[in-house]
Amino acid sequence: MTVVEFGGHGPPILLLHGLMGRAITWWPVAQWLTAHGRVLGLDA
């Protein structure tokens, strides 16, 4: 399993993708969320 750190500070925000997805799919949303916490995405 790989963890992608999108950045940010504060409480962790974990982004999970669906079947056959990739964490990088969350890039546009993750950039917005970094203002609200530390954004992490999981790749299995």
PDB file of N, CA and C in Angstrom:
ATOM      1  N   MET A   1       0.849  -1.166   0.000  1.00  0.00           N
ATOM      2  CA  MET A   1       0.000   0.000   0.000  1.00  0.00           C
ATOM      3  C   MET A   1       0.900   1.237   0.000  1.00  0.00           C
ATOM      4  N   THR A   2       0.505   2.236  -0.762  1.00  0.00           N
ATOM      5  CA  THR A   2       1.249   3.485  -0.869  1.00  0.00           C
ATOM      6  C   THR A   2       0.386   4.632  -0.372  1.00  0.00           C
ATOM      7  N   VAL A   3       0.995   5.549   0.354  1.00  0.00           N
ATOM      8  CA  VAL A   3       0.292   6.741   0.823  1.00  0.00           C
ATOM      9  C   VAL A   3       0.806   7.934   0.027  1.00  0.00           C
ATOM     10  N   VAL A   4      -0.110   8.689  -0.560  1.00  0.00           N
ATOM     11  CA  VAL A   4       0.229   9.905  -1.290  1.00  0.00           C
ATOM     12  C   VAL A   4      -0.106  11.080  -0.382  1.00  0.00           C
ATOM     13  N   GLU A   5       0.895  11.910  -0.084  1.00  0.00           N
ATOM     14  CA  GLU A   5       0.668  13.095   0.746  1.00  0.00           C
ATOM     15  C   GLU A   5       0.478  14.297  -0.167  1.00  0.00           C
ATOM     16  N   PHE A   6      -0.689  14.904  -0.096  1.00  0.00           N
ATOM     17  CA  PHE A   6      -1.000  16.061  -0.929  1.00  0.00           C
ATOM     18  C   PHE A   6      -0.616  17.371  -0.254  1.00  0.00           C
ATOM     19  N   GLY A   7      -0.328  17.324   1.048  1.00  0.00           N
ATOM     20  CA  GLY A   7       0.084  18.522   1.773  1.00  0.00           C
ATOM     21  C   GLY A   7      -0.963  18.973   2.772  1.00  0.00           C
ATOM     22  N   GLY A   8      -0.750  20.165   3.310  1.00  0.00           N
ATOM     23  CA  GLY A   8      -1.654  20.727   4.300  1.00  0.00           C
ATOM     24  C   GLY A   8      -1.183  20.448   5.713  1.00  0.00           C
ATOM     25  N   HIS A   9      -1.795  21.127   6.661  1.00  0.00           N
ATOM     26  CA  HIS A   9      -1.475  20.989   8.084  1.00  0.00           C
ATOM     27  C   HIS A   9      -2.778  20.869   8.858  1.00  0.00           C
ATOM     28  N   GLY A  10      -2.703  20.199   9.985  1.00  0.00           N
ATOM     29  CA  GLY A  10      -3.885  20.054  10.828  1.00  0.00           C
ATOM     30  C   GLY A  10      -4.375  18.625  10.851  1.00  0.00           C
ATOM     31  N   PRO A  11      -5.662  18.453  11.106  1.00  0.00           N
ATOM     32  CA  PRO A  11      -6.208  17.104  11.219  1.00  0.00           C
ATOM     33  C   PRO A  11      -6.104  16.360   9.882  1.00  0.00           C
ATOM     34  N   PRO A  12      -5.858  15.047   9.935  1.00  0.00           N
ATOM     35  CA  PRO A  12      -5.739  14.288   8.696  1.00  0.00           C
ATOM     36  C   PRO A  12      -7.081  14.153   7.972  1.00  0.00           C
ATOM     37  N   ILE A  13      -7.024  14.245   6.665  1.00  0.00           N
ATOM     38  CA  ILE A  13      -8.178  14.004   5.797  1.00  0.00           C
ATOM     39  C   ILE A  13      -7.760  12.877   4.865  1.00  0.00           C
ATOM     40  N   LEU A  14      -8.402  11.730   4.970  1.00  0.00           N
ATOM     41  CA  LEU A  14      -8.036  10.544   4.202  1.00  0.00           C
ATOM     42  C   LEU A  14      -8.963  10.396   3.004  1.00  0.00           C
ATOM     43  N   LEU A  15      -8.382  10.324   1.810  1.00  0.00           N
ATOM     44  CA  LEU A  15      -9.152  10.169   0.578  1.00  0.00           C
ATOM     45  C   LEU A  15      -8.997   8.737   0.073  1.00  0.00           C
ATOM     46  N   LEU A  16     -10.110   8.070  -0.150  1.00  0.00           N
ATOM     47  CA  LEU A  16     -10.117   6.689  -0.633  1.00  0.00           C
ATOM     48  C   LEU A  16     -10.765   6.645  -2.008  1.00  0.00           C
ATOM     49  N   HIS A  17     -10.101   5.988  -2.949  1.00  0.00           N
ATOM     50  CA  HIS A  17     -10.663   5.859  -4.294  1.00  0.00           C
ATOM     51  C   HIS A  17     -11.453   4.567  -4.404  1.00  0.00           C
ATOM     52  N   GLY A  18     -12.217   4.451  -5.470  1.00  0.00           N
ATOM     53  CA  GLY A  18     -13.000   3.242  -5.716  1.00  0.00           C
ATOM     54  C   GLY A  18     -12.177   2.176  -6.423  1.00  0.00           C
ATOM     55  N   LEU A  19     -12.826   1.121  -6.783  1.00  0.00           N
ATOM     56  CA  LEU A  19     -12.202  -0.005  -7.463  1.00  0.00           C
ATOM     57  C   LEU A  19     -11.480   0.459  -8.723  1.00  0.00           C
ATOM     58  N   MET A  20     -10.242   0.041  -8.878  1.00  0.00           N
ATOM     59  CA  MET A  20      -9.407   0.343 -10.045  1.00  0.00           C
ATOM     60  C   MET A  20      -9.045   1.821 -10.167  1.00  0.00           C
ATOM     61  N   GLY A  21      -9.242   2.599  -9.110  1.00  0.00           N
ATOM     62  CA  GLY A  21      -8.872   4.011  -9.132  1.00  0.00           C
ATOM     63  C   GLY A  21      -7.462   4.208  -8.615  1.00  0.00           C
ATOM     64  N   ARG A  22      -7.025   5.450  -8.620  1.00  0.00           N
ATOM     65  CA  ARG A  22      -5.710   5.809  -8.092  1.00  0.00           C
ATOM     66  C   ARG A  22      -5.864   7.050  -7.232  1.00  0.00           C
ATOM     67  N   ALA A  23      -4.986   7.202  -6.254  1.00  0.00           N
ATOM     68  CA  ALA A  23      -5.060   8.349  -5.346  1.00  0.00           C
ATOM     69  C   ALA A  23      -4.928   9.669  -6.099  1.00  0.00           C
ATOM     70  N   ILE A  24      -4.144   9.700  -7.158  1.00  0.00           N
ATOM     71  CA  ILE A  24      -3.921  10.937  -7.905  1.00  0.00           C
ATOM     72  C   ILE A  24      -5.221  11.465  -8.526  1.00  0.00           C
ATOM     73  N   THR A  25      -6.224  10.618  -8.646  1.00  0.00           N
ATOM     74  CA  THR A  25      -7.537  11.033  -9.144  1.00  0.00           C
ATOM     75  C   THR A  25      -8.105  12.150  -8.273  1.00  0.00           C
ATOM     76  N   TRP A  26      -7.707  12.168  -7.016  1.00  0.00           N
ATOM     77  CA  TRP A  26      -8.198  13.159  -6.060  1.00  0.00           C
ATOM     78  C   TRP A  26      -7.480  14.501  -6.146  1.00  0.00           C
ATOM     79  N   TRP A  27      -6.484  14.658  -7.025  1.00  0.00           N
ATOM     80  CA  TRP A  27      -5.643  15.857  -7.057  1.00  0.00           C
ATOM     81  C   TRP A  27      -6.427  17.166  -6.987  1.00  0.00           C
ATOM     82  N   PRO A  28      -7.433  17.412  -7.857  1.00  0.00           N
ATOM     83  CA  PRO A  28      -8.139  18.703  -7.799  1.00  0.00           C
ATOM     84  C   PRO A  28      -8.828  18.947  -6.449  1.00  0.00           C
ATOM     85  N   VAL A  29      -9.441  17.930  -5.902  1.00  0.00           N
ATOM     86  CA  VAL A  29     -10.132  18.053  -4.617  1.00  0.00           C
ATOM     87  C   VAL A  29      -9.113  18.210  -3.490  1.00  0.00           C
ATOM     88  N   ALA A  30      -8.035  17.452  -3.552  1.00  0.00           N
ATOM     89  CA  ALA A  30      -7.010  17.491  -2.510  1.00  0.00           C
ATOM     90  C   ALA A  30      -6.396  18.882  -2.389  1.00  0.00           C
ATOM     91  N   GLN A  31      -6.182  19.555  -3.497  1.00  0.00           N
ATOM     92  CA  GLN A  31      -5.602  20.899  -3.455  1.00  0.00           C
ATOM     93  C   GLN A  31      -6.510  21.859  -2.692  1.00  0.00           C
ATOM     94  N   TRP A  32      -7.794  21.723  -2.848  1.00  0.00           N
ATOM     95  CA  TRP A  32      -8.754  22.551  -2.120  1.00  0.00           C
ATOM     96  C   TRP A  32      -8.774  22.179  -0.635  1.00  0.00           C
ATOM     97  N   LEU A  33      -8.696  20.887  -0.337  1.00  0.00           N
ATOM     98  CA  LEU A  33      -8.792  20.414   1.045  1.00  0.00           C
ATOM     99  C   LEU A  33      -7.563  20.741   1.892  1.00  0.00           C
ATOM    100  N   THR A  34      -6.417  21.013   1.283  1.00  0.00           N
ATOM    101  CA  THR A  34      -5.212  21.302   2.068  1.00  0.00           C
ATOM    102  C   THR A  34      -5.379  22.533   2.954  1.00  0.00           C
ATOM    103  N   ALA A  35      -6.323  23.391   2.642  1.00  0.00           N
ATOM    104  CA  ALA A  35      -6.597  24.551   3.499  1.00  0.00           C
ATOM    105  C   ALA A  35      -7.300  24.136   4.791  1.00  0.00           C
ATOM    106  N   HIS A  36      -7.796  22.896   4.834  1.00  0.00           N
ATOM    107  CA  HIS A  36      -8.591  22.430   5.972  1.00  0.00           C
ATOM    108  C   HIS A  36      -7.905  21.345   6.800  1.00  0.00           C
ATOM    109  N   GLY A  37      -6.789  20.779   6.307  1.00  0.00           N
ATOM    110  CA  GLY A  37      -6.098  19.732   7.048  1.00  0.00           C
ATOM    111  C   GLY A  37      -5.022  19.077   6.207  1.00  0.00           C
ATOM    112  N   ARG A  38      -4.384  18.076   6.781  1.00  0.00           N
ATOM    113  CA  ARG A  38      -3.343  17.299   6.085  1.00  0.00           C
ATOM    114  C   ARG A  38      -4.037  16.240   5.236  1.00  0.00           C
ATOM    115  N   VAL A  39      -3.863  16.313   3.939  1.00  0.00           N
ATOM    116  CA  VAL A  39      -4.604  15.460   3.010  1.00  0.00           C
ATOM    117  C   VAL A  39      -3.740  14.281   2.562  1.00  0.00           C
ATOM    118  N   LEU A  40      -4.287  13.082   2.731  1.00  0.00           N
ATOM    119  CA  LEU A  40      -3.608  11.839   2.378  1.00  0.00           C
ATOM    120  C   LEU A  40      -4.503  11.008   1.472  1.00  0.00           C
ATOM    121  N   GLY A  41      -3.895  10.351   0.497  1.00  0.00           N
ATOM    122  CA  GLY A  41      -4.627   9.427  -0.364  1.00  0.00           C
ATOM    123  C   GLY A  41      -3.971   8.064  -0.314  1.00  0.00           C
ATOM    124  N   LEU A  42      -4.751   7.011  -0.354  1.00  0.00           N
ATOM    125  CA  LEU A  42      -4.224   5.648  -0.314  1.00  0.00           C
ATOM    126  C   LEU A  42      -4.303   5.001  -1.687  1.00  0.00           C
ATOM    127  N   ASP A  43      -3.219   4.336  -2.071  1.00  0.00           N
ATOM    128  CA  ASP A  43      -3.193   3.485  -3.257  1.00  0.00           C
ATOM    129  C   ASP A  43      -2.919   2.069  -2.782  1.00  0.00           C
ATOM    130  N   ALA A  44      -3.763   1.142  -3.187  1.00  0.00           N
ATOM    131  CA  ALA A  44      -3.566  -0.248  -2.772  1.00  0.00           C
ATOM    132  C   ALA A  44      -2.861  -1.038  -3.851  1.00  0.00           C
TER     133      ALA A  44
END
